[in-house]
Amino acid sequence: MPGSLTLLQGLPKYEVFLEEAKCFPGLDASACYTYLQLLRTGDELLALDEQVLTAYGTRHGRFNLLMILLKYGEGEATPAALAEKTGVTRATISGLLDGLEKDGLIKRSSDPEDRRLIRVHLTRAGRAFLDKIRPGYCRWFSSIVEPLDEGERQQLVNLLEKIRTRLNELAINGEARSA
């Protein structure tokens, strides 16, 4: 299933990286191969996940925002807080909120104590929409890890957490830009 990284569909075999390592001293063939496998898997997951959400009539950004609103509690969310929680710009949040409000899934209202503040609420229709989607969506992503036993799942989570920690270190140190 191709995603946005279509170049990764024809991943080279590990032996190709071993040959490359002969030409470039210091090249870690295993690290290169592992990294590309991780990219490819993530790309395929995102592409399939987008198809599943599209079948439910939504997209990642909208679904994630609705889920955050569900977890936030009634009347606690502001557009700025939602932008921070999702890691996107306020302009992006505004666009998502416009669409969700147009569809009747959320409502924006002024804060009664500070009229400059806007509060975002899930509507009854928004809750019903999530209630309709969540069981099937959870079954979908459970089916992805179904071949793994509990120990393998925990091991995978631990390994992914190690990689995320390293990514954060690289980002903080600016190493990703200077590679």
C-alpha atoms as a PDB file:
ATOM      1  CA  MET A   1       0.000   0.000   0.000  1.00  0.00           C
ATOM      2  CA  PRO A   2       1.832   3.107  -1.157  1.00  0.00           C
ATOM      3  CA  GLY A   3       1.667   6.244   0.906  1.00  0.00           C
ATOM      4  CA  SER A   4       3.285   9.603   0.333  1.00  0.00           C
ATOM      5  CA  LEU A   5       6.799   8.130   0.362  1.00  0.00           C
ATOM      6  CA  THR A   6       6.368   6.109  -2.814  1.00  0.00           C
ATOM      7  CA  LEU A   7      10.134   5.850  -3.280  1.00  0.00           C
ATOM      8  CA  LEU A   8      10.185   3.493  -0.313  1.00  0.00           C
ATOM      9  CA  GLN A   9       8.017   0.901  -2.054  1.00  0.00           C
ATOM     10  CA  GLY A  10      11.034  -0.698  -3.712  1.00  0.00           C
ATOM     11  CA  LEU A  11      13.286  -0.728  -0.666  1.00  0.00           C
ATOM     12  CA  PRO A  12      16.753  -2.073  -1.360  1.00  0.00           C
ATOM     13  CA  LYS A  13      17.714  -5.363   0.221  1.00  0.00           C
ATOM     14  CA  TYR A  14      20.015  -5.332   3.224  1.00  0.00           C
ATOM     15  CA  GLU A  15      22.881  -6.580   1.036  1.00  0.00           C
ATOM     16  CA  VAL A  16      22.773  -3.336  -0.952  1.00  0.00           C
ATOM     17  CA  PHE A  17      23.517  -1.403   2.228  1.00  0.00           C
ATOM     18  CA  LEU A  18      26.370  -3.759   3.029  1.00  0.00           C
ATOM     19  CA  GLU A  19      27.874  -2.960  -0.389  1.00  0.00           C
ATOM     20  CA  GLU A  20      27.369   0.777   0.200  1.00  0.00           C
ATOM     21  CA  ALA A  21      29.188   0.485   3.523  1.00  0.00           C
ATOM     22  CA  LYS A  22      32.271  -0.696   1.640  1.00  0.00           C
ATOM     23  CA  CYS A  23      32.258   2.553  -0.368  1.00  0.00           C
ATOM     24  CA  PHE A  24      31.475   4.849   2.567  1.00  0.00           C
ATOM     25  CA  PRO A  25      33.491   4.077   5.693  1.00  0.00           C
ATOM     26  CA  GLY A  26      31.445   4.658   8.822  1.00  0.00           C
ATOM     27  CA  LEU A  27      28.137   3.907   7.113  1.00  0.00           C
ATOM     28  CA  ASP A  28      26.107   1.600   9.358  1.00  0.00           C
ATOM     29  CA  ALA A  29      24.261  -0.704   6.945  1.00  0.00           C
ATOM     30  CA  SER A  30      22.011  -2.090   9.661  1.00  0.00           C
ATOM     31  CA  ALA A  31      21.024   1.394  10.860  1.00  0.00           C
ATOM     32  CA  CYS A  32      20.242   2.543   7.300  1.00  0.00           C
ATOM     33  CA  TYR A  33      18.138  -0.512   6.561  1.00  0.00           C
ATOM     34  CA  THR A  34      16.286  -0.285   9.879  1.00  0.00           C
ATOM     35  CA  TYR A  35      15.580   3.412   9.384  1.00  0.00           C
ATOM     36  CA  LEU A  36      14.138   2.895   5.897  1.00  0.00           C
ATOM     37  CA  GLN A  37      12.010  -0.016   7.126  1.00  0.00           C
ATOM     38  CA  LEU A  38      10.649   2.239   9.869  1.00  0.00           C
ATOM     39  CA  LEU A  39       9.890   5.032   7.378  1.00  0.00           C
ATOM     40  CA  ARG A  40       8.182   2.649   4.998  1.00  0.00           C
ATOM     41  CA  THR A  41       6.063   1.081   7.726  1.00  0.00           C
ATOM     42  CA  GLY A  42       5.031   4.488   9.053  1.00  0.00           C
ATOM     43  CA  ASP A  43       4.156   5.652   5.558  1.00  0.00           C
ATOM     44  CA  GLU A  44       2.030   2.568   4.910  1.00  0.00           C
ATOM     45  CA  LEU A  45       0.303   2.903   8.294  1.00  0.00           C
ATOM     46  CA  LEU A  46      -0.587   6.532   7.650  1.00  0.00           C
ATOM     47  CA  ALA A  47      -1.885   5.790   4.155  1.00  0.00           C
ATOM     48  CA  LEU A  48      -4.091   2.918   5.326  1.00  0.00           C
ATOM     49  CA  ASP A  49      -5.230   4.860   8.374  1.00  0.00           C
ATOM     50  CA  GLU A  50      -6.255   7.758   6.154  1.00  0.00           C
ATOM     51  CA  GLN A  51      -8.304   5.349   4.012  1.00  0.00           C
ATOM     52  CA  VAL A  52     -10.082   3.996   7.086  1.00  0.00           C
ATOM     53  CA  LEU A  53     -10.884   7.467   8.402  1.00  0.00           C
ATOM     54  CA  THR A  54     -12.030   8.584   4.950  1.00  0.00           C
ATOM     55  CA  ALA A  55     -14.438   5.629   4.874  1.00  0.00           C
ATOM     56  CA  TYR A  56     -15.865   6.998   8.129  1.00  0.00           C
ATOM     57  CA  GLY A  57     -16.235  10.421   6.548  1.00  0.00           C
ATOM     58  CA  THR A  58     -13.389  12.188   8.307  1.00  0.00           C
ATOM     59  CA  ARG A  59      -9.664  12.827   8.162  1.00  0.00           C
ATOM     60  CA  HIS A  60      -6.788  12.688  10.669  1.00  0.00           C
ATOM     61  CA  GLY A  61      -6.821  16.339  11.665  1.00  0.00           C
ATOM     62  CA  ARG A  62     -10.560  16.486  12.224  1.00  0.00           C
ATOM     63  CA  PHE A  63     -10.709  13.159  14.059  1.00  0.00           C
ATOM     64  CA  ASN A  64      -7.753  13.979  16.316  1.00  0.00           C
ATOM     65  CA  LEU A  65      -9.222  17.362  17.175  1.00  0.00           C
ATOM     66  CA  LEU A  66     -12.595  15.825  18.038  1.00  0.00           C
ATOM     67  CA  MET A  67     -10.882  13.219  20.231  1.00  0.00           C
ATOM     68  CA  ILE A  68      -8.923  15.913  22.054  1.00  0.00           C
ATOM     69  CA  LEU A  69     -12.133  17.854  22.641  1.00  0.00           C
ATOM     70  CA  LEU A  70     -13.786  14.704  23.980  1.00  0.00           C
ATOM     71  CA  LYS A  71     -10.959  14.211  26.482  1.00  0.00           C
ATOM     72  CA  TYR A  72     -10.623  17.900  27.394  1.00  0.00           C
ATOM     73  CA  GLY A  73     -13.834  18.248  29.351  1.00  0.00           C
ATOM     74  CA  GLU A  74     -16.778  20.499  28.786  1.00  0.00           C
ATOM     75  CA  GLY A  75     -15.853  24.064  27.958  1.00  0.00           C
ATOM     76  CA  GLU A  76     -12.168  23.791  28.833  1.00  0.00           C
ATOM     77  CA  ALA A  77     -10.674  23.987  25.345  1.00  0.00           C
ATOM     78  CA  THR A  78      -9.568  27.180  23.647  1.00  0.00           C
ATOM     79  CA  PRO A  79      -8.279  27.353  20.070  1.00  0.00           C
ATOM     80  CA  ALA A  80      -4.810  28.267  21.383  1.00  0.00           C
ATOM     81  CA  ALA A  81      -4.767  25.276  23.754  1.00  0.00           C
ATOM     82  CA  LEU A  82      -5.927  22.989  20.943  1.00  0.00           C
ATOM     83  CA  ALA A  83      -3.155  24.278  18.671  1.00  0.00           C
ATOM     84  CA  GLU A  84      -0.617  23.559  21.393  1.00  0.00           C
ATOM     85  CA  LYS A  85      -2.035  20.081  22.111  1.00  0.00           C
ATOM     86  CA  THR A  86      -2.060  19.086  18.442  1.00  0.00           C
ATOM     87  CA  GLY A  87       1.234  20.733  17.517  1.00  0.00           C
ATOM     88  CA  VAL A  88      -0.221  22.739  14.634  1.00  0.00           C
ATOM     89  CA  THR A  89      -0.596  26.463  14.070  1.00  0.00           C
ATOM     90  CA  ARG A  90      -3.539  28.487  15.318  1.00  0.00           C
ATOM     91  CA  ALA A  91      -4.444  29.172  11.691  1.00  0.00           C
ATOM     92  CA  THR A  92      -4.667  25.430  11.015  1.00  0.00           C
ATOM     93  CA  ILE A  93      -6.822  24.948  14.116  1.00  0.00           C
ATOM     94  CA  SER A  94      -9.092  27.790  13.017  1.00  0.00           C
ATOM     95  CA  GLY A  95      -9.605  26.130   9.646  1.00  0.00           C
ATOM     96  CA  LEU A  96     -10.350  22.764  11.236  1.00  0.00           C
ATOM     97  CA  LEU A  97     -12.742  24.352  13.729  1.00  0.00           C
ATOM     98  CA  ASP A  98     -14.526  26.229  10.920  1.00  0.00           C
ATOM     99  CA  GLY A  99     -15.203  22.961   9.101  1.00  0.00           C
ATOM    100  CA  LEU A 100     -16.238  21.081  12.238  1.00  0.00           C
ATOM    101  CA  GLU A 101     -18.562  23.906  13.266  1.00  0.00           C
ATOM    102  CA  LYS A 102     -20.079  24.054   9.766  1.00  0.00           C
ATOM    103  CA  ASP A 103     -20.763  20.314  10.068  1.00  0.00           C
ATOM    104  CA  GLY A 104     -22.380  20.821  13.482  1.00  0.00           C
ATOM    105  CA  LEU A 105     -19.786  18.736  15.344  1.00  0.00           C
ATOM    106  CA  ILE A 106     -18.428  21.537  17.535  1.00  0.00           C
ATOM    107  CA  LYS A 107     -19.619  24.890  18.823  1.00  0.00           C
ATOM    108  CA  ARG A 108     -17.535  27.953  19.662  1.00  0.00           C
ATOM    109  CA  SER A 109     -18.699  30.393  22.296  1.00  0.00           C
ATOM    110  CA  SER A 110     -17.314  33.351  24.206  1.00  0.00           C
ATOM    111  CA  ASP A 111     -16.035  32.707  27.702  1.00  0.00           C
ATOM    112  CA  PRO A 112     -18.585  34.168  30.151  1.00  0.00           C
ATOM    113  CA  GLU A 113     -15.837  35.692  32.328  1.00  0.00           C
ATOM    114  CA  ASP A 114     -13.533  36.919  29.550  1.00  0.00           C
ATOM    115  CA  ARG A 115     -15.365  37.665  26.308  1.00  0.00           C
ATOM    116  CA  ARG A 116     -12.040  37.812  24.430  1.00  0.00           C
ATOM    117  CA  LEU A 117     -11.578  34.081  25.041  1.00  0.00           C
ATOM    118  CA  ILE A 118     -13.285  31.558  22.802  1.00  0.00           C
ATOM    119  CA  ARG A 119     -14.247  28.176  24.215  1.00  0.00           C
ATOM    120  CA  VAL A 120     -14.734  25.151  21.981  1.00  0.00           C
ATOM    121  CA  HIS A 121     -17.308  22.490  22.830  1.00  0.00           C
ATOM    122  CA  LEU A 122     -18.281  19.191  21.260  1.00  0.00           C
ATOM    123  CA  THR A 123     -21.925  19.196  20.257  1.00  0.00           C
ATOM    124  CA  ARG A 124     -24.271  16.280  20.776  1.00  0.00           C
ATOM    125  CA  ALA A 125     -23.779  15.498  17.072  1.00  0.00           C
ATOM    126  CA  GLY A 126     -19.991  15.572  17.574  1.00  0.00           C
ATOM    127  CA  ARG A 127     -20.215  13.070  20.423  1.00  0.00           C
ATOM    128  CA  ALA A 128     -22.532  10.850  18.383  1.00  0.00           C
ATOM    129  CA  PHE A 129     -20.122  11.007  15.444  1.00  0.00           C
ATOM    130  CA  LEU A 130     -17.231   9.867  17.659  1.00  0.00           C
ATOM    131  CA  ASP A 131     -19.367   7.168  19.286  1.00  0.00           C
ATOM    132  CA  LYS A 132     -20.142   5.827  15.817  1.00  0.00           C
ATOM    133  CA  ILE A 133     -16.507   5.830  14.639  1.00  0.00           C
ATOM    134  CA  ARG A 134     -14.472   4.805  17.674  1.00  0.00           C
ATOM    135  CA  PRO A 135     -15.418   1.114  18.020  1.00  0.00           C
ATOM    136  CA  GLY A 136     -14.628   0.260  14.386  1.00  0.00           C
ATOM    137  CA  TYR A 137     -11.574   2.479  14.310  1.00  0.00           C
ATOM    138  CA  CYS A 138     -10.200   0.842  17.470  1.00  0.00           C
ATOM    139  CA  ARG A 139     -10.837  -2.598  15.957  1.00  0.00           C
ATOM    140  CA  TRP A 140      -8.937  -1.446  12.858  1.00  0.00           C
ATOM    141  CA  PHE A 141      -5.783  -0.440  14.659  1.00  0.00           C
ATOM    142  CA  SER A 142      -6.011  -3.447  16.978  1.00  0.00           C
ATOM    143  CA  SER A 143      -6.003  -5.636  13.876  1.00  0.00           C
ATOM    144  CA  ILE A 144      -2.665  -4.111  12.819  1.00  0.00           C
ATOM    145  CA  VAL A 145      -0.842  -5.389  15.903  1.00  0.00           C
ATOM    146  CA  GLU A 146      -2.875  -8.607  16.155  1.00  0.00           C
ATOM    147  CA  PRO A 147       0.044 -10.809  14.977  1.00  0.00           C
ATOM    148  CA  LEU A 148       2.138  -9.638  17.941  1.00  0.00           C
ATOM    149  CA  ASP A 149       1.735 -11.199  21.361  1.00  0.00           C
ATOM    150  CA  GLU A 150       1.614  -8.943  24.430  1.00  0.00           C
ATOM    151  CA  GLY A 151       5.360  -9.214  25.056  1.00  0.00           C
ATOM    152  CA  GLU A 152       6.179  -8.303  21.455  1.00  0.00           C
ATOM    153  CA  ARG A 153       3.804  -5.342  21.609  1.00  0.00           C
ATOM    154  CA  GLN A 154       5.475  -4.046  24.754  1.00  0.00           C
ATOM    155  CA  GLN A 155       8.895  -4.583  23.208  1.00  0.00           C
ATOM    156  CA  LEU A 156       7.826  -2.654  20.098  1.00  0.00           C
ATOM    157  CA  VAL A 157       6.461   0.195  22.227  1.00  0.00           C
ATOM    158  CA  ASN A 158       9.720   0.331  24.199  1.00  0.00           C
ATOM    159  CA  LEU A 159      11.796   0.411  21.015  1.00  0.00           C
ATOM    160  CA  LEU A 160       9.646   3.129  19.469  1.00  0.00           C
ATOM    161  CA  GLU A 161       9.924   5.180  22.667  1.00  0.00           C
ATOM    162  CA  LYS A 162      13.720   4.900  22.447  1.00  0.00           C
ATOM    163  CA  ILE A 163      13.618   6.159  18.867  1.00  0.00           C
ATOM    164  CA  ARG A 164      11.280   9.034  19.811  1.00  0.00           C
ATOM    165  CA  THR A 165      13.620   9.995  22.648  1.00  0.00           C
ATOM    166  CA  ARG A 166      16.516  10.055  20.194  1.00  0.00           C
ATOM    167  CA  LEU A 167      14.505  12.132  17.718  1.00  0.00           C
ATOM    168  CA  ASN A 168      13.811  14.674  20.460  1.00  0.00           C
ATOM    169  CA  GLU A 169      17.515  14.789  21.359  1.00  0.00           C
ATOM    170  CA  LEU A 170      18.451  15.384  17.727  1.00  0.00           C
ATOM    171  CA  ALA A 171      15.830  18.104  17.361  1.00  0.00           C
ATOM    172  CA  ILE A 172      16.888  19.862  20.565  1.00  0.00           C
ATOM    173  CA  ASN A 173      20.560  19.767  19.606  1.00  0.00           C
ATOM    174  CA  GLY A 174      19.828  20.893  16.055  1.00  0.00           C
ATOM    175  CA  GLU A 175      21.556  17.797  14.697  1.00  0.00           C
ATOM    176  CA  ALA A 176      18.719  16.977  12.308  1.00  0.00           C
ATOM    177  CA  ARG A 177      19.361  20.216  10.406  1.00  0.00           C
ATOM    178  CA  SER A 178      23.112  19.747  10.193  1.00  0.00           C
ATOM    179  CA  ALA A 179      23.223  16.075   9.179  1.00  0.00           C
END
